[in-house]
Amino acid sequence: MGAITNVYTIAAVKLNSTLIDAITAQSIKPGLAALVLGGSGAIDPTFVGIGEIRPEFTFTTTAIKSALAACGISGLALTGGTVFFQKTILGGVRGSTLAHVKGTIVAGIAIPVSLRAAQGGAASIEYRIILTSADGTTAPIAFAASQTLETGQGTVPNAYTLGAVTINGTELVGVQSLSIDFGIGVWVSNGSGLVYPTHSAISSRAPVITIQTLDCDQFVTMGLDGAAQGATNSTIVLGDLTEGAVVGTSPITFTIDEGLFYYEEISGSHGERLGGSVKLIPTFDGTAAIMAISGTT
């Protein structure tokens, strides 16, 4: 019986030259498609091979400013970067230099998946990293043991929490939580028998914002058919958290100038408050960004 001697945890992620810290979750998926074959009436398969491999990884971080500054809603073409398995020490804390497993990214694309914020909590954002090969035969990420972590990793460079939401200039009061699904579709392409994908590109972008609120009065104004975005822009604000203090004065703001708002549901139960779920579907007006972001620089 072998005793486990090496146990790892997550660490910071680097996209090109930008270090994304305050990682709260991470997942690496090799994306191997196994071809399992049998035939001629045999009860068991007699052959297994590899059709293709499409590696990806995802991570979630509370360093929203750093992440959005590096990779906004148009994605980020990757020409390098790193991901780590950070080694722990038996009876101690973390390994020192030359103790960790490092994955070096060759190429790919990074896209935001979703953003979550709730009253009184730290907002977080999730990213999807799709890896591509230079020639279809060389792995798009290379792992090596006995490596050193990125310099400066392990900090919380910035943090944000739920702020105010306005619809056509009127505040939606009592907001409890919100989520932004960035709705980014990606084409991942390979062919000619190559095992790894060699191309990735954004195919579509259709963001959807969902807001949980105690404000049921706006439903009376909107009615069953909702409200179109008017001349006054609508905004979603994430307040910046200040070390050792309350919310500061440098928020991140998402601005929408075309789209539709509507109450998806108003519900409640005995002994609880009635609340509403408001959907916002932004659309492109032909000029401004479908969802402009400020406060990340």
C-alpha atoms as a PDB file:
ATOM      1  CA  MET A   1       0.000   0.000   0.000  1.00  0.00           C
ATOM      2  CA  GLY A   2       1.591   3.249  -1.119  1.00  0.00           C
ATOM      3  CA  ALA A   3       1.318   6.322   1.083  1.00  0.00           C
ATOM      4  CA  ILE A   4       0.574   9.586  -0.685  1.00  0.00           C
ATOM      5  CA  THR A   5       3.526  11.949  -0.389  1.00  0.00           C
ATOM      6  CA  ASN A   6       2.680  14.764  -2.775  1.00  0.00           C
ATOM      7  CA  VAL A   7      -0.506  16.820  -2.367  1.00  0.00           C
ATOM      8  CA  TYR A   8      -1.166  20.005  -4.326  1.00  0.00           C
ATOM      9  CA  THR A   9      -3.477  23.007  -4.270  1.00  0.00           C
ATOM     10  CA  ILE A  10      -4.246  25.849  -6.691  1.00  0.00           C
ATOM     11  CA  ALA A  11      -2.133  28.929  -7.394  1.00  0.00           C
ATOM     12  CA  ALA A  12      -2.240  32.099  -9.475  1.00  0.00           C
ATOM     13  CA  VAL A  13      -2.766  31.999 -13.252  1.00  0.00           C
ATOM     14  CA  LYS A  14      -0.776  33.978 -15.815  1.00  0.00           C
ATOM     15  CA  LEU A  15      -2.348  34.984 -19.145  1.00  0.00           C
ATOM     16  CA  ASN A  16       0.361  36.194 -21.508  1.00  0.00           C
ATOM     17  CA  SER A  17       2.267  38.585 -19.208  1.00  0.00           C
ATOM     18  CA  THR A  18      -0.615  39.372 -16.810  1.00  0.00           C
ATOM     19  CA  LEU A  19      -0.754  37.626 -13.451  1.00  0.00           C
ATOM     20  CA  ILE A  20      -4.308  36.879 -12.300  1.00  0.00           C
ATOM     21  CA  ASP A  21      -4.276  36.313  -8.556  1.00  0.00           C
ATOM     22  CA  ALA A  22      -6.936  35.668  -5.875  1.00  0.00           C
ATOM     23  CA  ILE A  23      -7.962  32.429  -7.600  1.00  0.00           C
ATOM     24  CA  THR A  24     -10.784  30.704  -5.731  1.00  0.00           C
ATOM     25  CA  ALA A  25     -11.349  27.692  -8.010  1.00  0.00           C
ATOM     26  CA  GLN A  26      -9.528  26.002 -10.883  1.00  0.00           C
ATOM     27  CA  SER A  27     -10.142  23.023 -13.135  1.00  0.00           C
ATOM     28  CA  ILE A  28      -8.008  21.477 -15.885  1.00  0.00           C
ATOM     29  CA  LYS A  29      -9.620  19.080 -18.381  1.00  0.00           C
ATOM     30  CA  PRO A  30      -7.446  17.253 -20.930  1.00  0.00           C
ATOM     31  CA  GLY A  31     -10.472  16.835 -23.227  1.00  0.00           C
ATOM     32  CA  LEU A  32      -9.385  13.469 -24.570  1.00  0.00           C
ATOM     33  CA  ALA A  33     -11.882  11.729 -26.858  1.00  0.00           C
ATOM     34  CA  ALA A  34     -11.393   7.980 -26.556  1.00  0.00           C
ATOM     35  CA  LEU A  35     -12.548   5.828 -29.471  1.00  0.00           C
ATOM     36  CA  VAL A  36     -13.704   2.516 -27.998  1.00  0.00           C
ATOM     37  CA  LEU A  37     -14.370  -0.101 -30.678  1.00  0.00           C
ATOM     38  CA  GLY A  38     -15.798  -3.584 -30.841  1.00  0.00           C
ATOM     39  CA  GLY A  39     -17.749  -5.601 -33.365  1.00  0.00           C
ATOM     40  CA  SER A  40     -18.729  -8.920 -34.861  1.00  0.00           C
ATOM     41  CA  GLY A  41     -20.969  -9.688 -31.927  1.00  0.00           C
ATOM     42  CA  ALA A  42     -18.174  -9.617 -29.337  1.00  0.00           C
ATOM     43  CA  ILE A  43     -19.378  -8.834 -25.829  1.00  0.00           C
ATOM     44  CA  ASP A  44     -16.380  -6.640 -24.969  1.00  0.00           C
ATOM     45  CA  PRO A  45     -14.601  -3.875 -26.888  1.00  0.00           C
ATOM     46  CA  THR A  46     -11.266  -4.986 -28.316  1.00  0.00           C
ATOM     47  CA  PHE A  47      -9.725  -1.669 -29.286  1.00  0.00           C
ATOM     48  CA  VAL A  48      -9.341   1.830 -27.852  1.00  0.00           C
ATOM     49  CA  GLY A  49      -7.607   4.772 -29.475  1.00  0.00           C
ATOM     50  CA  ILE A  50      -7.504   8.545 -29.242  1.00  0.00           C
ATOM     51  CA  GLY A  51      -9.564  10.511 -31.760  1.00  0.00           C
ATOM     52  CA  GLU A  52      -8.590  13.989 -30.639  1.00  0.00           C
ATOM     53  CA  ILE A  53      -7.575  15.990 -27.566  1.00  0.00           C
ATOM     54  CA  ARG A  54      -9.060  19.424 -26.805  1.00  0.00           C
ATOM     55  CA  PRO A  55      -7.561  20.627 -23.502  1.00  0.00           C
ATOM     56  CA  GLU A  56      -9.186  23.462 -21.567  1.00  0.00           C
ATOM     57  CA  PHE A  57      -9.094  24.890 -18.090  1.00  0.00           C
ATOM     58  CA  THR A  58     -11.308  27.207 -16.115  1.00  0.00           C
ATOM     59  CA  PHE A  59     -10.631  29.409 -13.131  1.00  0.00           C
ATOM     60  CA  THR A  60     -12.586  31.742 -10.879  1.00  0.00           C
ATOM     61  CA  THR A  61     -11.109  34.833  -9.251  1.00  0.00           C
ATOM     62  CA  THR A  62     -12.194  37.706  -7.023  1.00  0.00           C
ATOM     63  CA  ALA A  63      -9.575  39.972  -8.659  1.00  0.00           C
ATOM     64  CA  ILE A  64     -12.177  41.242 -11.109  1.00  0.00           C
ATOM     65  CA  LYS A  65     -10.356  44.424 -12.100  1.00  0.00           C
ATOM     66  CA  SER A  66      -7.163  42.568 -13.006  1.00  0.00           C
ATOM     67  CA  ALA A  67      -9.078  39.927 -14.935  1.00  0.00           C
ATOM     68  CA  LEU A  68     -11.326  42.297 -16.909  1.00  0.00           C
ATOM     69  CA  ALA A  69      -8.402  44.590 -17.700  1.00  0.00           C
ATOM     70  CA  ALA A  70      -6.544  41.651 -19.220  1.00  0.00           C
ATOM     71  CA  CYS A  71      -9.515  39.968 -20.868  1.00  0.00           C
ATOM     72  CA  GLY A  72     -12.722  41.895 -21.497  1.00  0.00           C
ATOM     73  CA  ILE A  73     -15.815  40.763 -23.372  1.00  0.00           C
ATOM     74  CA  SER A  74     -13.866  40.319 -26.635  1.00  0.00           C
ATOM     75  CA  GLY A  75     -11.587  37.653 -25.206  1.00  0.00           C
ATOM     76  CA  LEU A  76      -7.799  37.501 -25.163  1.00  0.00           C
ATOM     77  CA  ALA A  77      -5.572  35.751 -27.698  1.00  0.00           C
ATOM     78  CA  LEU A  78      -2.982  33.759 -25.774  1.00  0.00           C
ATOM     79  CA  THR A  79       0.630  33.431 -26.825  1.00  0.00           C
ATOM     80  CA  GLY A  80       1.840  32.242 -23.427  1.00  0.00           C
ATOM     81  CA  GLY A  81       0.999  31.959 -19.767  1.00  0.00           C
ATOM     82  CA  THR A  82       1.129  29.564 -16.839  1.00  0.00           C
ATOM     83  CA  VAL A  83      -1.010  27.485 -14.505  1.00  0.00           C
ATOM     84  CA  PHE A  84       0.304  25.674 -11.421  1.00  0.00           C
ATOM     85  CA  PHE A  85      -0.233  22.789  -9.041  1.00  0.00           C
ATOM     86  CA  GLN A  86       1.091  24.336  -5.823  1.00  0.00           C
ATOM     87  CA  LYS A  87       2.727  21.762  -3.588  1.00  0.00           C
ATOM     88  CA  THR A  88       1.841  21.436   0.082  1.00  0.00           C
ATOM     89  CA  ILE A  89       4.275  20.265   2.739  1.00  0.00           C
ATOM     90  CA  LEU A  90       3.579  17.360   5.085  1.00  0.00           C
ATOM     91  CA  GLY A  91       3.084  18.869   8.526  1.00  0.00           C
ATOM     92  CA  GLY A  92       3.638  22.352   7.111  1.00  0.00           C
ATOM     93  CA  VAL A  93       2.169  24.897   4.709  1.00  0.00           C
ATOM     94  CA  ARG A  94       3.378  25.363   1.113  1.00  0.00           C
ATOM     95  CA  GLY A  95       6.437  24.226  -0.767  1.00  0.00           C
ATOM     96  CA  SER A  96       9.271  26.636  -1.458  1.00  0.00           C
ATOM     97  CA  THR A  97      10.944  27.278  -4.807  1.00  0.00           C
ATOM     98  CA  LEU A  98      11.417  24.388  -7.257  1.00  0.00           C
ATOM     99  CA  ALA A  99       8.672  22.345  -5.586  1.00  0.00           C
ATOM    100  CA  HIS A 100       5.629  22.889  -7.804  1.00  0.00           C
ATOM    101  CA  VAL A 101       4.150  21.608 -11.070  1.00  0.00           C
ATOM    102  CA  LYS A 102       3.948  24.219 -13.823  1.00  0.00           C
ATOM    103  CA  GLY A 103       1.862  24.151 -16.973  1.00  0.00           C
ATOM    104  CA  THR A 104       3.172  26.441 -19.714  1.00  0.00           C
ATOM    105  CA  ILE A 105       0.580  27.609 -22.231  1.00  0.00           C
ATOM    106  CA  VAL A 106       1.569  27.639 -25.895  1.00  0.00           C
ATOM    107  CA  ALA A 107      -1.472  29.361 -27.432  1.00  0.00           C
ATOM    108  CA  GLY A 108      -5.218  29.670 -27.188  1.00  0.00           C
ATOM    109  CA  ILE A 109      -7.978  32.058 -26.191  1.00  0.00           C
ATOM    110  CA  ALA A 110      -9.307  33.255 -22.825  1.00  0.00           C
ATOM    111  CA  ILE A 111     -12.946  34.320 -22.462  1.00  0.00           C
ATOM    112  CA  PRO A 112     -15.069  35.439 -19.511  1.00  0.00           C
ATOM    113  CA  VAL A 113     -17.900  33.022 -18.729  1.00  0.00           C
ATOM    114  CA  SER A 114     -19.881  34.578 -15.890  1.00  0.00           C
ATOM    115  CA  LEU A 115     -19.720  37.135 -13.101  1.00  0.00           C
ATOM    116  CA  ARG A 116     -21.478  36.780  -9.746  1.00  0.00           C
ATOM    117  CA  ALA A 117     -22.100  39.372  -7.021  1.00  0.00           C
ATOM    118  CA  ALA A 118     -24.278  39.252  -3.906  1.00  0.00           C
ATOM    119  CA  GLN A 119     -25.194  41.659  -1.131  1.00  0.00           C
ATOM    120  CA  GLY A 120     -22.421  41.740   1.472  1.00  0.00           C
ATOM    121  CA  GLY A 121     -20.176  39.298  -0.396  1.00  0.00           C
ATOM    122  CA  ALA A 122     -17.149  39.410  -2.666  1.00  0.00           C
ATOM    123  CA  ALA A 123     -17.904  39.363  -6.399  1.00  0.00           C
ATOM    124  CA  SER A 124     -16.179  36.761  -8.560  1.00  0.00           C
ATOM    125  CA  ILE A 125     -15.666  36.094 -12.250  1.00  0.00           C
ATOM    126  CA  GLU A 126     -15.088  32.813 -14.086  1.00  0.00           C
ATOM    127  CA  TYR A 127     -12.901  32.356 -17.176  1.00  0.00           C
ATOM    128  CA  ARG A 128     -12.571  29.616 -19.760  1.00  0.00           C
ATOM    129  CA  ILE A 129      -9.178  28.979 -21.359  1.00  0.00           C
ATOM    130  CA  ILE A 130      -9.228  27.049 -24.642  1.00  0.00           C
ATOM    131  CA  LEU A 131      -5.811  25.792 -25.699  1.00  0.00           C
ATOM    132  CA  THR A 132      -4.604  25.398 -29.283  1.00  0.00           C
ATOM    133  CA  SER A 133      -1.555  23.752 -30.813  1.00  0.00           C
ATOM    134  CA  ALA A 134       0.904  25.349 -33.209  1.00  0.00           C
ATOM    135  CA  ASP A 135       0.867  22.384 -35.579  1.00  0.00           C
ATOM    136  CA  GLY A 136      -1.886  20.028 -34.404  1.00  0.00           C
ATOM    137  CA  THR A 137       0.551  17.428 -33.107  1.00  0.00           C
ATOM    138  CA  THR A 138       2.407  19.324 -30.363  1.00  0.00           C
ATOM    139  CA  ALA A 139       0.579  19.617 -27.041  1.00  0.00           C
ATOM    140  CA  PRO A 140      -0.709  23.175 -26.435  1.00  0.00           C
ATOM    141  CA  ILE A 141       0.320  23.079 -22.767  1.00  0.00           C
ATOM    142  CA  ALA A 142       3.464  21.500 -21.327  1.00  0.00           C
ATOM    143  CA  PHE A 143       3.718  20.351 -17.703  1.00  0.00           C
ATOM    144  CA  ALA A 144       6.951  20.165 -15.726  1.00  0.00           C
ATOM    145  CA  ALA A 145       7.790  19.302 -12.110  1.00  0.00           C
ATOM    146  CA  SER A 146      10.214  21.060  -9.722  1.00  0.00           C
ATOM    147  CA  GLN A 147       9.136  24.553 -10.783  1.00  0.00           C
ATOM    148  CA  THR A 148       8.951  27.947  -9.025  1.00  0.00           C
ATOM    149  CA  LEU A 149       5.691  29.878  -8.664  1.00  0.00           C
ATOM    150  CA  GLU A 150       5.187  33.219 -10.396  1.00  0.00           C
ATOM    151  CA  THR A 151       6.703  36.157  -8.540  1.00  0.00           C
ATOM    152  CA  GLY A 152       4.197  38.041  -6.385  1.00  0.00           C
ATOM    153  CA  GLN A 153       1.496  35.357  -6.488  1.00  0.00           C
ATOM    154  CA  GLY A 154      -0.715  34.676  -3.475  1.00  0.00           C
ATOM    155  CA  THR A 155      -2.136  38.170  -2.933  1.00  0.00           C
ATOM    156  CA  VAL A 156      -5.547  39.841  -3.339  1.00  0.00           C
ATOM    157  CA  PRO A 157      -4.764  42.826  -5.601  1.00  0.00           C
ATOM    158  CA  ASN A 158      -8.373  44.058  -5.796  1.00  0.00           C
ATOM    159  CA  ALA A 159     -11.842  43.000  -4.703  1.00  0.00           C
ATOM    160  CA  TYR A 160     -15.399  44.131  -5.419  1.00  0.00           C
ATOM    161  CA  THR A 161     -18.908  43.710  -4.084  1.00  0.00           C
ATOM    162  CA  LEU A 162     -22.478  44.309  -5.239  1.00  0.00           C
ATOM    163  CA  GLY A 163     -23.326  47.940  -5.952  1.00  0.00           C
ATOM    164  CA  ALA A 164     -26.283  49.873  -7.340  1.00  0.00           C
ATOM    165  CA  VAL A 165     -28.299  48.941 -10.424  1.00  0.00           C
ATOM    166  CA  THR A 166     -30.189  51.518 -12.498  1.00  0.00           C
ATOM    167  CA  ILE A 167     -32.727  50.907 -15.255  1.00  0.00           C
ATOM    168  CA  ASN A 168     -33.237  53.805 -17.644  1.00  0.00           C
ATOM    169  CA  GLY A 169     -31.854  56.124 -14.969  1.00  0.00           C
ATOM    170  CA  THR A 170     -34.063  54.815 -12.133  1.00  0.00           C
ATOM    171  CA  GLU A 171     -32.446  52.769  -9.373  1.00  0.00           C
ATOM    172  CA  LEU A 172     -33.675  49.232  -8.874  1.00  0.00           C
ATOM    173  CA  VAL A 173     -33.679  49.213  -5.076  1.00  0.00           C
ATOM    174  CA  GLY A 174     -33.138  46.269  -2.752  1.00  0.00           C
ATOM    175  CA  VAL A 175     -30.922  44.336  -5.153  1.00  0.00           C
ATOM    176  CA  GLN A 176     -29.797  41.122  -3.468  1.00  0.00           C
ATOM    177  CA  SER A 177     -27.626  39.549  -6.133  1.00  0.00           C
ATOM    178  CA  LEU A 178     -26.802  39.644  -9.814  1.00  0.00           C
ATOM    179  CA  SER A 179     -25.177  37.465 -12.411  1.00  0.00           C
ATOM    180  CA  ILE A 180     -23.781  38.285 -15.828  1.00  0.00           C
ATOM    181  CA  ASP A 181     -23.625  35.451 -18.337  1.00  0.00           C
ATOM    182  CA  PHE A 182     -21.307  36.816 -21.007  1.00  0.00           C
ATOM    183  CA  GLY A 183     -22.809  34.427 -23.568  1.00  0.00           C
ATOM    184  CA  ILE A 184     -19.621  34.000 -25.584  1.00  0.00           C
ATOM    185  CA  GLY A 185     -19.578  31.142 -28.068  1.00  0.00           C
ATOM    186  CA  VAL A 186     -16.275  29.801 -29.416  1.00  0.00           C
ATOM    187  CA  TRP A 187     -15.345  27.823 -32.498  1.00  0.00           C
ATOM    188  CA  VAL A 188     -12.530  25.333 -31.859  1.00  0.00           C
ATOM    189  CA  SER A 189     -11.211  23.849 -35.096  1.00  0.00           C
ATOM    190  CA  ASN A 190      -8.914  21.118 -36.279  1.00  0.00           C
ATOM    191  CA  GLY A 191      -8.943  18.618 -39.127  1.00  0.00           C
ATOM    192  CA  SER A 192      -6.945  16.369 -41.431  1.00  0.00           C
ATOM    193  CA  GLY A 193      -6.514  13.847 -38.649  1.00  0.00           C
ATOM    194  CA  LEU A 194      -4.642  16.247 -36.358  1.00  0.00           C
ATOM    195  CA  VAL A 195      -5.095  15.369 -32.716  1.00  0.00           C
ATOM    196  CA  TYR A 196      -5.020  18.896 -31.247  1.00  0.00           C
ATOM    197  CA  PRO A 197      -7.056  21.946 -32.360  1.00  0.00           C
ATOM    198  CA  THR A 198      -5.067  24.606 -34.212  1.00  0.00           C
ATOM    199  CA  HIS A 199      -7.583  27.459 -34.313  1.00  0.00           C
ATOM    200  CA  SER A 200     -10.063  29.102 -31.963  1.00  0.00           C
ATOM    201  CA  ALA A 201     -12.218  32.176 -32.435  1.00  0.00           C
ATOM    202  CA  ILE A 202     -15.287  33.802 -30.894  1.00  0.00           C
ATOM    203  CA  SER A 203     -18.365  32.817 -32.875  1.00  0.00           C
ATOM    204  CA  SER A 204     -21.055  34.830 -31.076  1.00  0.00           C
ATOM    205  CA  ARG A 205     -21.710  37.028 -28.059  1.00  0.00           C
ATOM    206  CA  ALA A 206     -25.121  37.339 -26.411  1.00  0.00           C
ATOM    207  CA  PRO A 207     -24.834  38.510 -22.788  1.00  0.00           C
ATOM    208  CA  VAL A 208     -27.707  38.069 -20.342  1.00  0.00           C
ATOM    209  CA  ILE A 209     -27.914  39.746 -16.932  1.00  0.00           C
ATOM    210  CA  THR A 210     -30.116  38.408 -14.123  1.00  0.00           C
ATOM    211  CA  ILE A 211     -30.871  40.536 -11.059  1.00  0.00           C
ATOM    212  CA  GLN A 212     -32.576  39.377  -7.859  1.00  0.00           C
ATOM    213  CA  THR A 213     -34.316  42.295  -6.152  1.00  0.00           C
ATOM    214  CA  LEU A 214     -36.847  43.148  -3.441  1.00  0.00           C
ATOM    215  CA  ASP A 215     -38.129  45.976  -5.679  1.00  0.00           C
ATOM    216  CA  CYS A 216     -41.578  44.917  -6.872  1.00  0.00           C
ATOM    217  CA  ASP A 217     -42.748  48.485  -7.578  1.00  0.00           C
ATOM    218  CA  GLN A 218     -40.785  48.608 -10.837  1.00  0.00           C
ATOM    219  CA  PHE A 219     -42.917  45.722 -12.060  1.00  0.00           C
ATOM    220  CA  VAL A 220     -45.933  48.041 -11.958  1.00  0.00           C
ATOM    221  CA  THR A 221     -44.048  50.484 -14.197  1.00  0.00           C
ATOM    222  CA  MET A 222     -42.695  47.840 -16.568  1.00  0.00           C
ATOM    223  CA  GLY A 223     -45.792  45.686 -16.824  1.00  0.00           C
ATOM    224  CA  LEU A 224     -45.877  42.225 -18.310  1.00  0.00           C
ATOM    225  CA  ASP A 225     -44.027  43.244 -21.466  1.00  0.00           C
ATOM    226  CA  GLY A 226     -41.032  44.819 -19.697  1.00  0.00           C
ATOM    227  CA  ALA A 227     -39.260  48.001 -20.706  1.00  0.00           C
ATOM    228  CA  ALA A 228     -37.025  48.876 -23.625  1.00  0.00           C
ATOM    229  CA  GLN A 229     -33.724  50.597 -22.925  1.00  0.00           C
ATOM    230  CA  GLY A 230     -34.324  54.321 -23.375  1.00  0.00           C
ATOM    231  CA  ALA A 231     -32.181  57.406 -23.896  1.00  0.00           C
ATOM    232  CA  THR A 232     -30.700  57.246 -20.378  1.00  0.00           C
ATOM    233  CA  ASN A 233     -28.184  54.430 -20.079  1.00  0.00           C
ATOM    234  CA  SER A 234     -28.709  51.638 -17.571  1.00  0.00           C
ATOM    235  CA  THR A 235     -25.836  50.740 -15.255  1.00  0.00           C
ATOM    236  CA  ILE A 236     -24.621  47.919 -13.049  1.00  0.00           C
ATOM    237  CA  VAL A 237     -22.032  48.898 -10.461  1.00  0.00           C
ATOM    238  CA  LEU A 238     -19.535  46.794  -8.539  1.00  0.00           C
ATOM    239  CA  GLY A 239     -18.206  48.701  -5.541  1.00  0.00           C
ATOM    240  CA  ASP A 240     -14.486  48.413  -4.839  1.00  0.00           C
ATOM    241  CA  LEU A 241     -13.595  46.932  -1.465  1.00  0.00           C
ATOM    242  CA  THR A 242     -10.930  48.807   0.470  1.00  0.00           C
ATOM    243  CA  GLU A 243      -8.460  46.946   2.672  1.00  0.00           C
ATOM    244  CA  GLY A 244      -9.594  47.280   6.290  1.00  0.00           C
ATOM    245  CA  ALA A 245     -12.436  49.643   5.422  1.00  0.00           C
ATOM    246  CA  VAL A 246     -15.780  49.958   3.638  1.00  0.00           C
ATOM    247  CA  VAL A 247     -16.483  50.345  -0.079  1.00  0.00           C
ATOM    248  CA  GLY A 248     -14.211  52.865  -1.797  1.00  0.00           C
ATOM    249  CA  THR A 249     -14.747  55.338  -4.618  1.00  0.00           C
ATOM    250  CA  SER A 250     -13.379  53.453  -7.652  1.00  0.00           C
ATOM    251  CA  PRO A 251     -16.171  51.156  -8.859  1.00  0.00           C
ATOM    252  CA  ILE A 252     -16.385  49.023 -11.971  1.00  0.00           C
ATOM    253  CA  THR A 253     -19.440  49.982 -14.041  1.00  0.00           C
ATOM    254  CA  PHE A 254     -21.208  48.024 -16.773  1.00  0.00           C
ATOM    255  CA  THR A 255     -23.228  50.306 -19.059  1.00  0.00           C
ATOM    256  CA  ILE A 256     -26.041  49.250 -21.402  1.00  0.00           C
ATOM    257  CA  ASP A 257     -27.558  51.590 -23.987  1.00  0.00           C
ATOM    258  CA  GLU A 258     -29.853  49.236 -25.891  1.00  0.00           C
ATOM    259  CA  GLY A 259     -31.860  46.187 -24.906  1.00  0.00           C
ATOM    260  CA  LEU A 260     -34.863  44.904 -22.978  1.00  0.00           C
ATOM    261  CA  PHE A 261     -35.674  44.625 -19.267  1.00  0.00           C
ATOM    262  CA  TYR A 262     -38.433  42.447 -17.880  1.00  0.00           C
ATOM    263  CA  TYR A 263     -39.490  40.677 -14.693  1.00  0.00           C
ATOM    264  CA  GLU A 264     -38.925  36.977 -15.217  1.00  0.00           C
ATOM    265  CA  GLU A 265     -40.648  36.116 -11.959  1.00  0.00           C
ATOM    266  CA  ILE A 266     -42.074  37.597  -8.764  1.00  0.00           C
ATOM    267  CA  SER A 267     -42.301  35.058  -5.981  1.00  0.00           C
ATOM    268  CA  GLY A 268     -42.355  34.541  -2.242  1.00  0.00           C
ATOM    269  CA  SER A 269     -43.576  32.259   0.512  1.00  0.00           C
ATOM    270  CA  HIS A 270     -45.234  32.488   3.906  1.00  0.00           C
ATOM    271  CA  GLY A 271     -43.059  34.338   6.384  1.00  0.00           C
ATOM    272  CA  GLU A 272     -40.666  35.560   3.656  1.00  0.00           C
ATOM    273  CA  ARG A 273     -40.290  38.702   1.586  1.00  0.00           C
ATOM    274  CA  LEU A 274     -41.653  38.903  -1.941  1.00  0.00           C
ATOM    275  CA  GLY A 275     -38.906  39.311  -4.504  1.00  0.00           C
ATOM    276  CA  GLY A 276     -38.411  39.637  -8.215  1.00  0.00           C
ATOM    277  CA  SER A 277     -36.031  38.233 -10.789  1.00  0.00           C
ATOM    278  CA  VAL A 278     -35.257  40.859 -13.442  1.00  0.00           C
ATOM    279  CA  LYS A 279     -33.723  39.888 -16.784  1.00  0.00           C
ATOM    280  CA  LEU A 280     -31.708  42.305 -18.905  1.00  0.00           C
ATOM    281  CA  ILE A 281     -30.911  41.351 -22.486  1.00  0.00           C
ATOM    282  CA  PRO A 282     -28.469  43.869 -24.041  1.00  0.00           C
ATOM    283  CA  THR A 283     -28.343  44.332 -27.807  1.00  0.00           C
ATOM    284  CA  PHE A 284     -25.881  46.110 -30.097  1.00  0.00           C
ATOM    285  CA  ASP A 285     -26.931  49.578 -31.278  1.00  0.00           C
ATOM    286  CA  GLY A 286     -24.445  49.620 -34.160  1.00  0.00           C
ATOM    287  CA  THR A 287     -22.037  51.996 -32.425  1.00  0.00           C
ATOM    288  CA  ALA A 288     -21.348  51.505 -28.711  1.00  0.00           C
ATOM    289  CA  ALA A 289     -20.190  48.240 -27.148  1.00  0.00           C
ATOM    290  CA  ILE A 290     -23.043  45.871 -26.368  1.00  0.00           C
ATOM    291  CA  MET A 291     -21.940  46.137 -22.731  1.00  0.00           C
ATOM    292  CA  ALA A 292     -19.355  48.833 -21.997  1.00  0.00           C
ATOM    293  CA  ILE A 293     -17.068  48.378 -18.990  1.00  0.00           C
ATOM    294  CA  SER A 294     -15.342  51.229 -17.157  1.00  0.00           C
ATOM    295  CA  GLY A 295     -13.174  51.372 -14.052  1.00  0.00           C
ATOM    296  CA  THR A 296     -10.752  48.588 -14.943  1.00  0.00           C
ATOM    297  CA  THR A 297      -7.821  50.828 -15.902  1.00  0.00           C
END
